[in-house]
Amino acid sequence: MKSAKKILFYKPVIIGLVFLFVALIMSLIGLHSSVVEYTHSDSLGPGNYTLGDSSFENSYLGYNRTLILSSNNASVVVIENDVPTQDINVTSTVTLNLRGRPSIEVFYGELNYTYKAKAISYPYSNLAIPGFIFMIAGTSLIIAGYVSLNSRRD
């Protein structure tokens, strides 16, 4: 068995350790998250409306949605994930915390709304695959270098 000092200074083992260190750094960077927000306000008359931006709604994780409705006298149904959830007669301001992307059906009246959605974005998650490849390559180099060094005769 070779000494630990000789193994650590063997070139394939050094390169393998560098690859493992790079993989660790890439995985730490890939875990970075940030909060992204979408806000939209408008006035609606009678009709059926889907709120939000489809590209935003389909791109992120962990949504926190808030819908603020205000009117003097409007009758609306709030629909989440294609299921009617609330039938509201809005005479002032109503705040709803939603789980899914909302649709609103306004029966009568003028309705003002503000839709806010917050989500979590992982902008560097694409580093996961190269990090995994670096981890496999580094581990393989360390094992191959250790076996190669131990199989040599002094």
Protein backbone atom coordinates (compact mmCIF):
# COMPACT_ATOMS: atom_id res chain seq x y z
CA MET A 1 0.00 0.00 0.00
CA LYS A 2 1.33 3.40 -1.00
CA SER A 3 1.59 6.29 1.41
CA ALA A 4 -1.23 8.84 1.53
CA LYS A 5 1.15 11.65 0.53
CA LYS A 6 2.17 9.83 -2.65
CA ILE A 7 -1.46 9.10 -3.54
CA LEU A 8 -2.52 12.74 -3.10
CA PHE A 9 0.24 13.96 -5.44
CA TYR A 10 -0.48 11.41 -8.17
CA LYS A 11 -1.70 13.32 -11.27
CA PRO A 12 -5.02 11.47 -11.93
CA VAL A 13 -5.96 11.81 -8.26
CA ILE A 14 -5.21 15.55 -8.27
CA ILE A 15 -7.29 16.05 -11.42
CA GLY A 16 -10.10 13.96 -9.90
CA LEU A 17 -10.08 16.10 -6.75
CA VAL A 18 -10.20 19.27 -8.86
CA PHE A 19 -13.18 17.84 -10.77
CA LEU A 20 -14.95 17.05 -7.49
CA PHE A 21 -14.28 20.57 -6.22
CA VAL A 22 -15.65 22.07 -9.45
CA ALA A 23 -18.75 19.84 -9.14
CA LEU A 24 -19.27 21.04 -5.57
CA ILE A 25 -19.02 24.70 -6.60
CA MET A 26 -21.42 24.14 -9.53
CA SER A 27 -23.97 22.46 -7.27
CA LEU A 28 -23.78 25.29 -4.73
CA ILE A 29 -24.30 27.88 -7.48
CA GLY A 30 -27.20 25.83 -8.89
CA LEU A 31 -28.99 25.98 -5.52
CA HIS A 32 -29.24 29.78 -5.71
CA SER A 33 -32.89 30.84 -5.81
CA SER A 34 -34.56 34.16 -6.37
CA VAL A 35 -38.11 35.45 -6.09
CA VAL A 36 -39.80 36.61 -9.28
CA GLU A 37 -43.04 38.58 -9.36
CA TYR A 38 -45.83 39.20 -11.81
CA THR A 39 -48.42 41.95 -11.28
CA HIS A 40 -51.29 42.99 -13.51
CA SER A 41 -54.21 45.37 -12.94
CA ASP A 42 -57.19 46.04 -15.19
CA SER A 43 -60.92 46.71 -15.34
CA LEU A 44 -63.32 44.04 -16.54
CA GLY A 45 -66.87 44.13 -17.80
CA PRO A 46 -69.24 41.16 -18.14
CA GLY A 47 -67.53 38.09 -19.59
CA ASN A 48 -65.08 35.29 -18.85
CA TYR A 49 -61.38 36.13 -18.34
CA THR A 50 -58.24 34.14 -17.55
CA LEU A 51 -55.78 36.12 -15.47
CA GLY A 52 -52.02 35.96 -15.48
CA ASP A 53 -49.37 35.35 -18.09
CA SER A 54 -49.15 31.76 -19.33
CA SER A 55 -45.36 31.88 -19.82
CA PHE A 56 -44.89 33.14 -16.25
CA GLU A 57 -47.37 30.64 -14.79
CA ASN A 58 -45.64 27.67 -16.45
CA SER A 59 -42.02 28.65 -15.81
CA TYR A 60 -41.52 28.72 -12.04
CA LEU A 61 -42.12 26.84 -8.79
CA GLY A 62 -43.84 27.59 -5.48
CA TYR A 63 -46.43 30.18 -6.37
CA ASN A 64 -48.02 32.61 -3.94
CA ARG A 65 -51.01 34.20 -5.68
CA THR A 66 -53.11 37.13 -4.50
CA LEU A 67 -56.17 38.52 -6.24
CA ILE A 68 -57.63 41.84 -5.13
CA LEU A 69 -61.11 42.60 -6.46
CA SER A 70 -62.89 45.94 -6.09
CA SER A 71 -66.19 47.23 -7.36
CA ASN A 72 -69.29 49.17 -6.35
CA ASN A 73 -71.59 46.33 -7.35
CA ALA A 74 -70.43 43.35 -9.39
CA SER A 75 -71.29 39.66 -9.32
CA VAL A 76 -68.36 37.35 -10.12
CA VAL A 77 -67.31 33.73 -9.92
CA VAL A 78 -63.63 32.99 -9.30
CA ILE A 79 -62.43 29.79 -10.97
CA GLU A 80 -59.17 28.05 -9.93
CA ASN A 81 -57.77 25.15 -11.95
CA ASP A 82 -61.05 24.91 -13.92
CA VAL A 83 -63.10 24.48 -10.72
CA PRO A 84 -65.42 27.30 -9.56
CA THR A 85 -64.30 28.12 -6.03
CA GLN A 86 -66.00 31.34 -4.97
CA ASP A 87 -69.21 33.12 -5.97
CA ILE A 88 -68.82 36.71 -4.80
CA ASN A 89 -70.99 39.78 -4.90
CA VAL A 90 -68.31 42.50 -4.76
CA THR A 91 -69.44 45.77 -3.20
CA SER A 92 -66.07 47.01 -1.92
CA THR A 93 -62.60 45.43 -1.88
CA VAL A 94 -62.06 41.67 -1.57
CA THR A 95 -58.65 40.00 -1.23
CA LEU A 96 -58.26 36.31 -2.15
CA ASN A 97 -55.24 34.04 -1.69
CA LEU A 98 -55.32 31.49 -4.49
CA ARG A 99 -53.65 28.15 -5.11
CA GLY A 100 -54.04 28.00 -8.87
CA ARG A 101 -54.16 30.29 -11.88
CA PRO A 102 -57.48 32.11 -11.68
CA SER A 103 -60.21 32.77 -14.17
CA ILE A 104 -62.99 35.25 -13.48
CA GLU A 105 -66.50 35.22 -14.84
CA VAL A 106 -68.18 38.60 -14.41
CA PHE A 107 -71.99 38.41 -14.61
CA TYR A 108 -72.74 42.11 -14.26
CA GLY A 109 -71.04 45.30 -13.15
CA GLU A 110 -67.61 46.82 -13.62
CA LEU A 111 -64.82 44.97 -11.76
CA ASN A 112 -61.33 46.29 -11.05
CA TYR A 113 -58.70 43.73 -10.16
CA THR A 114 -55.04 43.43 -9.26
CA TYR A 115 -53.45 40.02 -9.69
CA LYS A 116 -50.08 39.38 -8.03
CA ALA A 117 -48.09 36.18 -8.32
CA LYS A 118 -44.75 35.44 -6.65
CA ALA A 119 -42.70 32.37 -7.46
CA ILE A 120 -39.28 30.87 -6.89
CA SER A 121 -36.80 30.80 -9.75
CA TYR A 122 -33.61 28.76 -9.94
CA PRO A 123 -31.72 30.65 -12.66
CA TYR A 124 -28.58 28.49 -12.49
CA SER A 125 -30.26 25.09 -12.30
CA ASN A 126 -28.83 24.24 -15.72
CA LEU A 127 -25.47 23.69 -13.97
CA ALA A 128 -26.79 20.44 -12.47
CA ILE A 129 -26.00 18.23 -15.47
CA PRO A 130 -22.41 19.44 -16.01
CA GLY A 131 -21.89 19.27 -12.23
CA PHE A 132 -23.05 15.66 -12.24
CA ILE A 133 -20.70 14.85 -15.13
CA PHE A 134 -17.78 16.48 -13.29
CA MET A 135 -18.66 14.46 -10.17
CA ILE A 136 -18.71 11.15 -12.09
CA ALA A 137 -15.47 11.99 -13.93
CA GLY A 138 -13.71 13.11 -10.73
CA THR A 139 -14.74 10.02 -8.81
CA SER A 140 -13.67 7.77 -11.70
CA LEU A 141 -10.27 9.49 -11.95
CA ILE A 142 -9.64 9.16 -8.22
CA ILE A 143 -10.54 5.45 -8.22
CA ALA A 144 -8.56 4.75 -11.40
CA GLY A 145 -5.54 6.68 -10.09
CA TYR A 146 -5.64 4.88 -6.75
CA VAL A 147 -5.90 1.45 -8.41
CA SER A 148 -3.17 2.32 -10.91
CA LEU A 149 -0.79 3.57 -8.23
CA ASN A 150 -1.36 0.56 -5.99
CA SER A 151 -0.90 -1.92 -8.84
CA ARG A 152 2.61 -0.64 -9.61
CA ARG A 153 5.54 -2.49 -8.21
CA ASP A 154 8.17 -0.59 -6.25
